[in-house]
Amino acid sequence: MKKTWTGWGPAADQPQQHYLVEPRHLGGGGDLRFVAEYLRASGWKDISRTGGPIVFDSPDHSVRVGFDPTSMPGGWTISGKAVGQQPAWHATFTTAVPIEIVAGFTDTLTKPRSAHAPNVWAPLEQNAWETSRVEEKQQDPEQKLVHFVAVAPDRNAWLQYHQDGLSQGHWWAGARTEHGRAWDAVFTSTTPLHLVQEFSAALSDPTPVLRPRGNVPATKWIRTTSVSVRPSELGAWQQARITAARAATWARNSWSAARPRQRTPSSPHTTAGTKARR
């Protein structure tokens, strides 16, 4: 991949047919550069090999983002090392997770954590997803399975948190079409909640996603709107995204360099999700 963005389309700047696809959770994978170029612009190190998987390391080497379509089941693998009171964590996205939803997670990796307590379910409820809490009794009265579930308005996408009596748990999201399961995303229970919250926000965002002709999923469960887009317009949109990432990285690095060094206690990190409201 080149260091300078050169556009999405051919040299001739002729309008090309694209489609706005909704709901976005059935929009198909999309262009990998949407994530990769943003990470590079945010100062992440590209350690990908020519012809091999895409791999990026964070500036502090605590997080690695990779995409490998040849692995099983294939797709994105994102891993964070244990740092301070934050335990190691792991997340995976299969290849058909829309790139805009993946970016909701990976973009957040490049930004400072908000001081506000995260609430994974809030964006879902704001976008009319149905949330519920389900308990499953087990033979051992000390054990029980607890599921927090959010389902999309079209009933074809979901986000769930599963926890057993031993406090072991994981997050699981997915979508389906009339042909079966479309994609899956899985997060360990130790995945920082602000990352899962931004994933849920991107997942439930009602904004359609843009796909070129020939890259619209073959399902009757989507709505499409045909639009004509010039390659220069696509390039300008992506360049604006890259420029914003570079500006944020420059500002953050400048602030860090000017800030006096001081020792501050680490704040405890909560790994349990906020319960879904009925």
Protein backbone atom coordinates (compact mmCIF):
# COMPACT_ATOMS: atom_id res chain seq x y z
CA MET A 1 0.00 0.00 0.00
CA LYS A 2 1.25 3.47 -0.89
CA LYS A 3 1.95 6.12 1.68
CA THR A 4 0.04 8.79 -0.23
CA TRP A 5 -3.61 8.28 -1.03
CA THR A 6 -4.10 8.37 -4.81
CA GLY A 7 -7.86 7.87 -5.03
CA TRP A 8 -10.35 5.06 -5.24
CA GLY A 9 -11.05 4.95 -8.98
CA PRO A 10 -9.38 5.05 -12.41
CA ALA A 11 -7.50 8.06 -13.79
CA ALA A 12 -10.41 9.13 -16.01
CA ASP A 13 -12.72 11.08 -13.74
CA GLN A 14 -15.98 9.85 -15.20
CA PRO A 15 -19.07 9.31 -13.03
CA GLN A 16 -19.49 5.68 -12.00
CA GLN A 17 -22.50 3.87 -10.67
CA HIS A 18 -22.52 3.16 -6.96
CA TYR A 19 -25.23 2.15 -4.53
CA LEU A 20 -26.23 3.36 -1.11
CA VAL A 21 -27.01 0.17 0.82
CA GLU A 22 -29.15 -0.11 3.94
CA PRO A 23 -29.31 -1.47 6.51
CA ARG A 24 -25.56 -1.10 6.76
CA HIS A 25 -25.07 -4.38 8.66
CA LEU A 26 -25.90 -6.19 5.40
CA GLY A 27 -23.70 -3.97 3.22
CA GLY A 28 -20.83 -6.44 2.73
CA GLY A 29 -17.15 -6.00 3.55
CA GLY A 30 -16.10 -2.91 1.61
CA ASP A 31 -12.67 -1.39 0.83
CA LEU A 32 -9.92 -2.40 3.29
CA ARG A 33 -8.12 0.90 2.75
CA PHE A 34 -10.85 2.63 4.74
CA VAL A 35 -9.27 1.12 7.88
CA ALA A 36 -5.66 0.68 6.75
CA GLU A 37 -5.07 4.24 5.52
CA TYR A 38 -6.61 5.69 8.68
CA LEU A 39 -4.30 3.63 10.90
CA ARG A 40 -1.27 4.71 8.88
CA ALA A 41 -2.32 8.38 9.07
CA SER A 42 -2.71 7.96 12.84
CA GLY A 43 0.93 6.95 13.23
CA TRP A 44 0.52 3.19 13.32
CA LYS A 45 3.36 1.13 11.86
CA ASP A 46 2.55 -0.89 8.75
CA ILE A 47 4.43 -4.20 9.04
CA SER A 48 2.49 -5.93 6.26
CA ARG A 49 4.40 -8.07 3.80
CA THR A 50 3.88 -7.78 0.07
CA GLY A 51 1.21 -10.27 -0.96
CA GLY A 52 0.58 -11.23 2.66
CA PRO A 53 -1.83 -10.24 5.42
CA ILE A 54 -2.36 -6.60 6.41
CA VAL A 55 -0.73 -5.95 9.80
CA PHE A 56 -0.45 -2.71 11.80
CA ASP A 57 1.10 -2.10 15.22
CA SER A 58 0.11 0.79 17.48
CA PRO A 59 2.79 3.39 18.23
CA ASP A 60 3.30 1.96 21.73
CA HIS A 61 3.23 -1.64 20.41
CA SER A 62 0.38 -2.56 22.77
CA VAL A 63 -2.20 -3.34 20.05
CA ARG A 64 -1.94 -5.19 16.74
CA VAL A 65 -4.54 -5.06 13.95
CA GLY A 66 -4.40 -7.66 11.20
CA PHE A 67 -6.48 -8.76 8.23
CA ASP A 68 -5.94 -12.17 6.65
CA PRO A 69 -8.61 -13.54 4.28
CA THR A 70 -6.79 -16.88 3.97
CA SER A 71 -6.97 -17.82 7.65
CA MET A 72 -9.91 -19.68 9.20
CA PRO A 73 -12.48 -18.23 9.42
CA GLY A 74 -10.66 -15.31 7.80
CA GLY A 75 -10.96 -11.60 8.43
CA TRP A 76 -9.78 -9.13 11.06
CA THR A 77 -7.89 -10.09 14.22
CA ILE A 78 -7.22 -7.38 16.80
CA SER A 79 -5.24 -8.07 19.98
CA GLY A 80 -4.27 -5.90 22.92
CA LYS A 81 -1.48 -6.69 25.38
CA ALA A 82 -1.94 -6.49 29.13
CA VAL A 83 -1.04 -2.95 30.23
CA GLY A 84 -1.30 -1.87 33.87
CA GLN A 85 -4.71 -2.90 35.18
CA GLN A 86 -6.00 -3.56 31.66
CA PRO A 87 -5.77 -7.33 30.95
CA ALA A 88 -4.99 -8.70 27.52
CA TRP A 89 -7.92 -8.78 25.11
CA HIS A 90 -8.84 -10.12 21.68
CA ALA A 91 -11.41 -9.33 18.98
CA THR A 92 -12.20 -10.92 15.62
CA PHE A 93 -14.32 -9.82 12.65
CA THR A 94 -15.08 -12.11 9.70
CA THR A 95 -14.54 -10.79 6.18
CA ALA A 96 -18.13 -9.67 5.50
CA VAL A 97 -18.35 -7.31 8.47
CA PRO A 98 -18.90 -3.92 6.77
CA ILE A 99 -15.67 -1.93 6.81
CA GLU A 100 -17.48 1.07 8.29
CA ILE A 101 -18.43 -1.04 11.32
CA VAL A 102 -14.88 -2.39 11.68
CA ALA A 103 -13.65 1.21 11.53
CA GLY A 104 -15.94 2.15 14.41
CA PHE A 105 -13.74 -0.14 16.50
CA THR A 106 -10.30 0.43 14.93
CA ASP A 107 -10.60 4.23 14.65
CA THR A 108 -11.27 4.34 18.39
CA LEU A 109 -7.99 2.55 19.04
CA THR A 110 -6.18 5.65 17.76
CA LYS A 111 -7.95 8.13 20.04
CA PRO A 112 -7.70 9.02 23.75
CA ARG A 113 -10.26 7.29 25.95
CA SER A 114 -13.20 9.43 27.02
CA ALA A 115 -13.54 10.30 30.70
CA HIS A 116 -17.20 9.23 30.59
CA ALA A 117 -18.13 5.71 31.67
CA PRO A 118 -18.89 3.63 28.57
CA ASN A 119 -22.34 2.17 27.95
CA VAL A 120 -22.38 -0.37 25.13
CA TRP A 121 -26.17 -0.48 24.97
CA ALA A 122 -26.86 3.26 24.77
CA PRO A 123 -26.16 3.71 21.02
CA LEU A 124 -28.25 0.64 20.22
CA GLU A 125 -31.24 1.90 22.18
CA GLN A 126 -30.89 5.37 20.63
CA ASN A 127 -31.11 3.76 17.19
CA ALA A 128 -34.26 1.76 18.04
CA TRP A 129 -32.61 -1.60 18.68
CA GLU A 130 -34.55 -3.82 21.08
CA THR A 131 -32.61 -4.75 24.23
CA SER A 132 -33.37 -7.45 26.80
CA ARG A 133 -31.87 -9.51 29.63
CA VAL A 134 -32.27 -13.29 29.75
CA GLU A 135 -31.26 -15.70 32.52
CA GLU A 136 -30.90 -19.46 32.04
CA LYS A 137 -31.08 -21.62 35.17
CA GLN A 138 -28.62 -24.50 35.49
CA GLN A 139 -28.69 -27.72 37.55
CA ASP A 140 -26.23 -26.17 39.99
CA PRO A 141 -28.15 -23.36 41.77
CA GLU A 142 -24.86 -21.46 42.13
CA GLN A 143 -24.50 -21.38 38.38
CA LYS A 144 -26.57 -19.46 35.87
CA LEU A 145 -26.15 -18.15 32.38
CA VAL A 146 -26.95 -14.48 31.77
CA HIS A 147 -27.43 -13.03 28.30
CA PHE A 148 -27.82 -9.35 27.45
CA VAL A 149 -29.17 -9.05 23.91
CA ALA A 150 -29.81 -6.23 21.45
CA VAL A 151 -31.58 -6.91 18.13
CA ALA A 152 -31.79 -4.62 15.09
CA PRO A 153 -35.17 -3.26 13.95
CA ASP A 154 -35.11 -5.63 10.94
CA ARG A 155 -34.26 -8.58 13.30
CA ASN A 156 -31.29 -9.52 11.10
CA ALA A 157 -28.41 -8.26 13.26
CA TRP A 158 -27.64 -8.54 16.95
CA LEU A 159 -25.17 -7.86 19.74
CA GLN A 160 -25.06 -10.13 22.77
CA TYR A 161 -23.11 -10.41 26.00
CA HIS A 162 -22.93 -13.87 27.56
CA GLN A 163 -21.80 -14.45 31.15
CA ASP A 164 -21.82 -17.61 33.23
CA GLY A 165 -21.75 -18.11 37.00
CA LEU A 166 -17.95 -18.02 37.06
CA SER A 167 -17.97 -14.49 35.60
CA GLN A 168 -16.56 -15.80 32.33
CA GLY A 169 -18.08 -14.00 29.39
CA HIS A 170 -17.75 -12.72 25.86
CA TRP A 171 -19.39 -10.34 23.40
CA TRP A 172 -20.80 -11.66 20.16
CA ALA A 173 -22.32 -9.77 17.24
CA GLY A 174 -23.60 -11.06 13.93
CA ALA A 175 -25.90 -10.60 10.98
CA ARG A 176 -27.82 -12.88 8.65
CA THR A 177 -29.57 -12.88 5.27
CA GLU A 178 -32.01 -15.31 3.68
CA HIS A 179 -28.92 -17.35 2.72
CA GLY A 180 -27.76 -17.83 6.31
CA ARG A 181 -25.16 -16.24 8.56
CA ALA A 182 -23.53 -13.22 6.90
CA TRP A 183 -20.83 -12.39 9.44
CA ASP A 184 -19.67 -12.65 13.04
CA ALA A 185 -17.71 -10.46 15.44
CA VAL A 186 -16.44 -11.76 18.80
CA PHE A 187 -14.80 -9.87 21.68
CA THR A 188 -13.34 -11.28 24.87
CA SER A 189 -14.91 -10.01 28.10
CA THR A 190 -11.70 -8.09 28.81
CA THR A 191 -12.06 -5.97 25.66
CA PRO A 192 -12.16 -2.31 26.79
CA LEU A 193 -15.80 -1.27 26.92
CA HIS A 194 -15.31 2.04 25.16
CA LEU A 195 -14.15 0.06 22.10
CA VAL A 196 -17.21 -2.18 22.19
CA GLN A 197 -19.42 0.90 22.63
CA GLU A 198 -18.00 2.51 19.47
CA PHE A 199 -18.49 -0.77 17.64
CA SER A 200 -22.14 -0.82 18.74
CA ALA A 201 -22.54 2.80 17.61
CA ALA A 202 -21.14 2.00 14.15
CA LEU A 203 -23.21 -1.20 13.98
CA SER A 204 -26.51 0.53 14.72
CA ASP A 205 -25.83 3.74 12.75
CA PRO A 206 -28.77 4.11 10.30
CA THR A 207 -26.58 5.84 7.69
CA PRO A 208 -26.35 3.74 4.48
CA VAL A 209 -22.97 2.52 3.23
CA LEU A 210 -21.65 3.20 -0.28
CA ARG A 211 -20.73 0.25 -2.50
CA PRO A 212 -19.57 0.20 -6.15
CA ARG A 213 -21.47 -1.73 -8.80
CA GLY A 214 -20.61 -5.40 -8.56
CA ASN A 215 -19.97 -5.20 -4.81
CA VAL A 216 -23.55 -5.14 -3.55
CA PRO A 217 -24.45 -8.28 -1.56
CA ALA A 218 -26.87 -10.68 -3.24
CA THR A 219 -29.73 -10.48 -0.78
CA LYS A 220 -33.35 -9.34 -0.95
CA TRP A 221 -33.12 -8.01 2.58
CA ILE A 222 -31.37 -4.75 1.63
CA ARG A 223 -32.56 -1.50 0.11
CA THR A 224 -30.39 0.20 -2.51
CA THR A 225 -30.32 3.66 -4.03
CA SER A 226 -28.35 4.15 -7.24
CA VAL A 227 -25.99 7.16 -7.29
CA SER A 228 -23.33 8.44 -9.73
CA VAL A 229 -19.99 9.23 -8.10
CA ARG A 230 -16.77 10.53 -9.63
CA PRO A 231 -13.48 8.88 -8.58
CA SER A 232 -12.23 12.34 -7.57
CA GLU A 233 -15.15 12.66 -5.15
CA LEU A 234 -14.35 9.31 -3.55
CA GLY A 235 -10.71 10.30 -3.30
CA ALA A 236 -11.61 13.64 -1.71
CA TRP A 237 -13.82 11.97 0.89
CA GLN A 238 -11.10 9.52 1.84
CA GLN A 239 -8.43 12.24 1.83
CA ALA A 240 -10.55 14.29 4.24
CA ARG A 241 -10.71 11.29 6.56
CA ILE A 242 -6.94 10.80 6.36
CA THR A 243 -6.27 14.50 6.90
CA ALA A 244 -8.45 14.48 10.02
CA ALA A 245 -6.53 11.49 11.38
CA ARG A 246 -3.18 13.19 10.75
CA ALA A 247 -4.33 16.42 12.36
CA ALA A 248 -5.61 14.60 15.47
CA THR A 249 -2.36 12.64 15.74
CA TRP A 250 -0.26 15.80 15.38
CA ALA A 251 -2.29 17.63 18.02
CA ARG A 252 -2.12 14.69 20.42
CA ASN A 253 1.64 14.27 19.98
CA SER A 254 2.24 18.01 20.37
CA TRP A 255 0.20 18.09 23.58
CA SER A 256 2.04 15.05 24.97
CA ALA A 257 5.41 16.59 24.19
CA ALA A 258 4.50 19.86 25.93
CA ARG A 259 2.85 18.26 28.95
CA PRO A 260 4.99 18.11 32.14
CA ARG A 261 5.75 14.55 33.18
CA GLN A 262 3.99 13.48 36.35
CA ARG A 263 3.01 10.27 38.00
CA THR A 264 -0.70 9.60 38.29
CA PRO A 265 -2.41 6.52 39.71
CA SER A 266 -4.04 4.21 37.22
CA SER A 267 -7.81 4.12 37.40
CA PRO A 268 -9.48 0.70 37.71
CA HIS A 269 -10.83 -0.67 34.47
CA THR A 270 -14.30 -2.16 34.43
CA THR A 271 -14.82 -5.10 32.08
CA ALA A 272 -18.45 -5.90 32.87
CA GLY A 273 -21.08 -4.33 30.64
CA THR A 274 -23.91 -2.10 31.76
CA LYS A 275 -27.07 -4.16 31.93
CA ALA A 276 -29.51 -3.73 29.09
CA ARG A 277 -32.77 -2.09 30.00
CA ARG A 278 -36.05 -3.64 29.04
